[in-house]
C-alpha cells in the first residue's frame, strides 16, 4: 500500500548488500503494471537520498514510456528496446534498467 501511494519503491540493500535502488512502475492504459524503471548503484557512490532525488526523472521517463507503449499497437518489446537505447545514450553516468512483462 505504501509503494502504491508513493508511486515508487526503494531497495535499502535488501536485495544485495551494498546496493541501493529506486524503481517506478510503467503502466498500461488500464493502470496495469507492464514494466519498471530503476536507478541503482553501490552505496560507495550512491546513497539512498541520492537515489530518491532521481524519482522525478524516473517518473517522467515512465510517463514518456507509457505514452510510447500506448501508441505502439501492442509491440512492447520493440518500444522498450528503442526507449532504453535512447535513455542510455542520453545518460551515460547512470544505469537505467527496464524490466518488462510480456
N, C-alpha and C. Protein backbone atom coordinates (compact mmCIF):
# COMPACT_ATOMS: atom_id res chain seq x y z
N UNK A 1 0.82 -1.19 0.00
CA UNK A 1 0.00 0.00 0.00
C UNK A 1 0.87 1.26 0.00
N UNK A 2 1.97 1.24 0.76
CA UNK A 2 2.86 2.41 0.82
C UNK A 2 3.50 2.67 -0.53
N UNK A 3 3.95 1.63 -1.19
CA UNK A 3 4.59 1.79 -2.50
C UNK A 3 3.59 2.35 -3.51
N UNK A 4 2.38 1.83 -3.50
CA UNK A 4 1.36 2.31 -4.43
C UNK A 4 1.05 3.78 -4.19
N UNK A 5 0.97 4.19 -2.93
CA UNK A 5 0.65 5.59 -2.65
C UNK A 5 1.83 6.52 -2.96
N UNK A 6 3.05 6.05 -2.77
CA UNK A 6 4.24 6.85 -3.09
C UNK A 6 4.49 6.95 -4.58
N UNK A 7 4.19 5.86 -5.28
CA UNK A 7 4.46 5.79 -6.71
C UNK A 7 5.85 5.28 -7.03
N UNK A 8 6.58 4.83 -6.04
CA UNK A 8 7.92 4.28 -6.25
C UNK A 8 8.27 3.31 -5.13
N UNK A 9 9.28 2.48 -5.38
CA UNK A 9 9.77 1.53 -4.39
C UNK A 9 11.26 1.76 -4.17
N UNK A 10 11.70 1.51 -2.96
CA UNK A 10 13.11 1.64 -2.62
C UNK A 10 13.69 0.28 -2.25
N UNK A 11 14.94 0.09 -2.60
CA UNK A 11 15.70 -1.08 -2.15
C UNK A 11 16.79 -0.54 -1.24
N UNK A 12 16.67 -0.83 0.02
CA UNK A 12 17.63 -0.36 1.04
C UNK A 12 18.62 -1.47 1.38
N UNK A 13 19.26 -1.97 0.36
CA UNK A 13 20.22 -3.07 0.48
C UNK A 13 19.55 -4.40 0.84
N UNK A 14 18.22 -4.51 0.63
CA UNK A 14 17.56 -5.78 0.94
C UNK A 14 17.89 -6.86 -0.09
N UNK A 15 17.98 -6.46 -1.36
CA UNK A 15 18.25 -7.44 -2.42
C UNK A 15 19.72 -7.83 -2.44
N UNK A 16 20.58 -6.83 -2.35
CA UNK A 16 22.01 -7.07 -2.41
C UNK A 16 22.70 -6.10 -1.46
N UNK A 17 23.41 -6.63 -0.51
CA UNK A 17 24.10 -5.77 0.45
C UNK A 17 25.10 -4.87 -0.28
N UNK A 18 25.05 -3.57 0.05
CA UNK A 18 25.93 -2.60 -0.58
C UNK A 18 25.34 -1.94 -1.81
N UNK A 19 24.08 -2.24 -2.13
CA UNK A 19 23.43 -1.69 -3.31
C UNK A 19 22.09 -1.07 -2.90
N UNK A 20 21.83 0.16 -3.35
CA UNK A 20 20.53 0.80 -3.12
C UNK A 20 19.88 1.09 -4.47
N UNK A 21 18.56 1.23 -4.44
CA UNK A 21 17.85 1.46 -5.70
C UNK A 21 16.51 2.14 -5.45
N UNK A 22 16.02 2.75 -6.50
CA UNK A 22 14.66 3.26 -6.55
C UNK A 22 14.07 2.78 -7.87
N UNK A 23 12.80 2.40 -7.84
CA UNK A 23 12.13 1.92 -9.05
C UNK A 23 10.73 2.52 -9.13
N UNK A 24 10.30 2.77 -10.36
CA UNK A 24 8.95 3.28 -10.60
C UNK A 24 8.27 2.37 -11.62
N UNK A 25 6.95 2.26 -11.52
CA UNK A 25 6.25 1.40 -12.48
C UNK A 25 5.92 2.13 -13.77
N UNK A 26 5.78 1.35 -14.83
CA UNK A 26 5.21 1.81 -16.09
C UNK A 26 3.92 1.02 -16.23
N UNK A 27 2.82 1.72 -16.44
CA UNK A 27 1.53 1.05 -16.51
C UNK A 27 0.90 1.23 -17.89
N UNK A 28 -0.04 0.36 -18.18
CA UNK A 28 -0.77 0.48 -19.45
C UNK A 28 -1.95 1.42 -19.27
N UNK A 29 -2.80 1.51 -20.29
CA UNK A 29 -3.92 2.44 -20.24
C UNK A 29 -4.98 2.05 -19.22
N UNK A 30 -4.90 0.84 -18.67
CA UNK A 30 -5.84 0.41 -17.63
C UNK A 30 -5.19 0.42 -16.24
N UNK A 31 -3.98 0.97 -16.16
CA UNK A 31 -3.29 1.05 -14.87
C UNK A 31 -2.59 -0.22 -14.45
N UNK A 32 -2.48 -1.19 -15.35
CA UNK A 32 -1.80 -2.44 -15.03
C UNK A 32 -0.30 -2.29 -15.23
N UNK A 33 0.46 -2.92 -14.37
CA UNK A 33 1.92 -2.89 -14.44
C UNK A 33 2.39 -3.62 -15.70
N UNK A 34 3.26 -2.95 -16.48
CA UNK A 34 3.85 -3.60 -17.65
C UNK A 34 5.37 -3.57 -17.64
N UNK A 35 5.96 -2.65 -16.87
CA UNK A 35 7.42 -2.55 -16.81
C UNK A 35 7.81 -1.72 -15.59
N UNK A 36 9.09 -1.75 -15.29
CA UNK A 36 9.61 -0.91 -14.20
C UNK A 36 10.89 -0.25 -14.67
N UNK A 37 11.09 0.97 -14.23
CA UNK A 37 12.34 1.68 -14.47
C UNK A 37 13.04 1.81 -13.13
N UNK A 38 14.31 1.51 -13.09
CA UNK A 38 15.04 1.54 -11.82
C UNK A 38 16.39 2.23 -11.97
N UNK A 39 16.78 2.91 -10.93
CA UNK A 39 18.10 3.55 -10.82
C UNK A 39 18.75 2.94 -9.60
N UNK A 40 19.95 2.41 -9.76
CA UNK A 40 20.60 1.81 -8.60
C UNK A 40 22.11 1.97 -8.70
N UNK A 41 22.75 1.73 -7.57
CA UNK A 41 24.20 1.79 -7.55
C UNK A 41 24.74 1.35 -6.21
N UNK A 42 26.04 1.16 -6.14
CA UNK A 42 26.67 0.76 -4.87
C UNK A 42 26.66 1.93 -3.88
N UNK A 43 26.55 1.59 -2.61
CA UNK A 43 26.47 2.63 -1.58
C UNK A 43 27.74 3.48 -1.51
N UNK A 44 28.83 3.02 -2.07
CA UNK A 44 30.05 3.84 -2.11
C UNK A 44 29.88 5.05 -3.02
N UNK A 45 28.98 4.94 -4.02
CA UNK A 45 28.76 6.03 -4.97
C UNK A 45 27.40 6.71 -4.80
N UNK A 46 26.41 5.95 -4.39
CA UNK A 46 25.03 6.46 -4.33
C UNK A 46 24.42 6.11 -2.97
N UNK A 47 24.01 7.12 -2.24
CA UNK A 47 23.28 6.83 -1.01
C UNK A 47 21.79 6.86 -1.32
N UNK A 48 20.99 6.45 -0.36
CA UNK A 48 19.55 6.37 -0.59
C UNK A 48 18.95 7.73 -0.91
N UNK A 49 19.44 8.77 -0.28
CA UNK A 49 18.94 10.12 -0.53
C UNK A 49 19.19 10.52 -1.99
N UNK A 50 20.36 10.19 -2.52
CA UNK A 50 20.67 10.49 -3.92
C UNK A 50 19.75 9.71 -4.85
N UNK A 51 19.49 8.46 -4.53
CA UNK A 51 18.58 7.65 -5.34
C UNK A 51 17.19 8.26 -5.35
N UNK A 52 16.72 8.71 -4.20
CA UNK A 52 15.39 9.31 -4.10
C UNK A 52 15.31 10.59 -4.93
N UNK A 53 16.40 11.32 -5.02
CA UNK A 53 16.41 12.54 -5.83
C UNK A 53 16.19 12.24 -7.31
N UNK A 54 16.40 11.02 -7.74
CA UNK A 54 16.19 10.61 -9.14
C UNK A 54 14.73 10.26 -9.42
N UNK A 55 13.89 10.30 -8.39
CA UNK A 55 12.49 9.90 -8.53
C UNK A 55 11.77 10.64 -9.65
N UNK A 56 11.89 11.95 -9.69
CA UNK A 56 11.16 12.72 -10.70
C UNK A 56 11.63 12.39 -12.12
N UNK A 57 12.92 12.17 -12.28
CA UNK A 57 13.45 11.79 -13.60
C UNK A 57 12.88 10.44 -14.02
N UNK A 58 12.85 9.49 -13.08
CA UNK A 58 12.31 8.17 -13.40
C UNK A 58 10.82 8.24 -13.69
N UNK A 59 10.09 9.01 -12.90
CA UNK A 59 8.64 9.11 -13.11
C UNK A 59 8.33 9.77 -14.46
N UNK A 60 9.12 10.76 -14.83
CA UNK A 60 8.94 11.40 -16.14
C UNK A 60 9.24 10.39 -17.25
N UNK A 61 10.32 9.63 -17.11
CA UNK A 61 10.66 8.63 -18.11
C UNK A 61 9.58 7.56 -18.19
N UNK A 62 9.02 7.16 -17.06
CA UNK A 62 7.94 6.16 -17.05
C UNK A 62 6.71 6.69 -17.78
N UNK A 63 6.39 7.96 -17.56
CA UNK A 63 5.24 8.56 -18.25
C UNK A 63 5.49 8.63 -19.76
N UNK A 64 6.71 8.99 -20.16
CA UNK A 64 7.05 9.03 -21.59
C UNK A 64 6.97 7.64 -22.20
N UNK A 65 7.50 6.66 -21.49
CA UNK A 65 7.46 5.29 -21.98
C UNK A 65 6.01 4.79 -22.08
N UNK A 66 5.21 5.12 -21.10
CA UNK A 66 3.79 4.74 -21.12
C UNK A 66 3.12 5.29 -22.38
N UNK A 67 3.36 6.56 -22.68
CA UNK A 67 2.77 7.16 -23.88
C UNK A 67 3.23 6.43 -25.14
N UNK A 68 4.51 6.10 -25.21
CA UNK A 68 5.03 5.39 -26.39
C UNK A 68 4.42 4.00 -26.51
N UNK A 69 4.26 3.33 -25.38
CA UNK A 69 3.67 2.00 -25.42
C UNK A 69 2.22 2.05 -25.86
N UNK A 70 1.50 3.07 -25.44
CA UNK A 70 0.10 3.20 -25.84
C UNK A 70 -0.03 3.46 -27.34
N UNK A 71 0.99 4.07 -27.94
CA UNK A 71 0.97 4.35 -29.37
C UNK A 71 1.54 3.21 -30.22
N UNK A 72 2.10 2.20 -29.55
CA UNK A 72 2.85 1.17 -30.27
C UNK A 72 1.99 0.03 -30.79
N UNK A 73 0.69 0.07 -30.55
CA UNK A 73 -0.21 -1.00 -31.01
C UNK A 73 0.21 -2.37 -30.49
N UNK A 74 0.69 -2.42 -29.26
CA UNK A 74 0.98 -3.70 -28.62
C UNK A 74 2.39 -4.23 -28.83
N UNK A 75 3.22 -3.58 -29.61
CA UNK A 75 4.58 -4.07 -29.83
C UNK A 75 5.49 -3.57 -28.72
N UNK A 76 5.27 -4.06 -27.50
CA UNK A 76 6.00 -3.58 -26.33
C UNK A 76 7.49 -3.86 -26.40
N UNK A 77 7.87 -5.04 -26.86
CA UNK A 77 9.28 -5.42 -26.88
C UNK A 77 10.10 -4.44 -27.70
N UNK A 78 9.63 -4.09 -28.90
CA UNK A 78 10.35 -3.15 -29.75
C UNK A 78 10.42 -1.77 -29.09
N UNK A 79 9.31 -1.29 -28.58
CA UNK A 79 9.27 0.04 -27.98
C UNK A 79 10.16 0.13 -26.75
N UNK A 80 10.14 -0.90 -25.89
CA UNK A 80 11.00 -0.89 -24.71
C UNK A 80 12.47 -0.88 -25.10
N UNK A 81 12.81 -1.68 -26.10
CA UNK A 81 14.19 -1.74 -26.57
C UNK A 81 14.65 -0.39 -27.12
N UNK A 82 13.83 0.21 -27.96
CA UNK A 82 14.15 1.50 -28.56
C UNK A 82 14.28 2.57 -27.48
N UNK A 83 13.34 2.59 -26.56
CA UNK A 83 13.34 3.59 -25.49
C UNK A 83 14.58 3.46 -24.62
N UNK A 84 14.94 2.22 -24.25
CA UNK A 84 16.10 2.02 -23.39
C UNK A 84 17.39 2.46 -24.08
N UNK A 85 17.51 2.22 -25.38
CA UNK A 85 18.70 2.68 -26.10
C UNK A 85 18.82 4.19 -26.06
N UNK A 86 17.69 4.89 -26.26
CA UNK A 86 17.71 6.35 -26.23
C UNK A 86 18.07 6.88 -24.85
N UNK A 87 17.54 6.29 -23.80
CA UNK A 87 17.85 6.72 -22.44
C UNK A 87 19.32 6.49 -22.12
N UNK A 88 19.83 5.33 -22.47
CA UNK A 88 21.24 5.02 -22.17
C UNK A 88 22.16 5.97 -22.91
N UNK A 89 21.85 6.32 -24.15
CA UNK A 89 22.68 7.26 -24.90
C UNK A 89 22.69 8.63 -24.24
N UNK A 90 21.57 9.05 -23.67
CA UNK A 90 21.46 10.40 -23.14
C UNK A 90 21.93 10.52 -21.70
N UNK A 91 22.21 9.42 -21.01
CA UNK A 91 22.53 9.48 -19.59
C UNK A 91 23.62 8.46 -19.27
N UNK A 92 24.83 8.71 -19.71
CA UNK A 92 25.89 7.72 -19.60
C UNK A 92 26.45 7.59 -18.18
N UNK A 93 26.16 8.52 -17.30
CA UNK A 93 26.69 8.44 -15.94
C UNK A 93 25.84 7.55 -15.05
N UNK A 94 24.65 7.24 -15.45
CA UNK A 94 23.74 6.45 -14.65
C UNK A 94 23.35 5.18 -15.39
N UNK A 95 22.94 4.20 -14.65
CA UNK A 95 22.46 2.98 -15.25
C UNK A 95 20.96 2.90 -15.07
N UNK A 96 20.25 2.71 -16.13
CA UNK A 96 18.81 2.58 -16.09
C UNK A 96 18.45 1.18 -16.52
N UNK A 97 17.69 0.50 -15.71
CA UNK A 97 17.24 -0.83 -16.05
C UNK A 97 15.75 -0.80 -16.33
N UNK A 98 15.36 -1.52 -17.34
CA UNK A 98 13.95 -1.67 -17.66
C UNK A 98 13.60 -3.13 -17.56
N UNK A 99 12.60 -3.41 -16.78
CA UNK A 99 12.10 -4.78 -16.63
C UNK A 99 10.68 -4.79 -17.14
N UNK A 100 10.38 -5.65 -18.07
CA UNK A 100 9.05 -5.65 -18.68
C UNK A 100 8.39 -7.01 -18.57
N UNK A 101 7.08 -6.98 -18.50
CA UNK A 101 6.27 -8.20 -18.53
C UNK A 101 5.70 -8.36 -19.93
N UNK A 102 5.69 -9.56 -20.43
CA UNK A 102 5.05 -9.82 -21.73
C UNK A 102 3.78 -10.59 -21.51
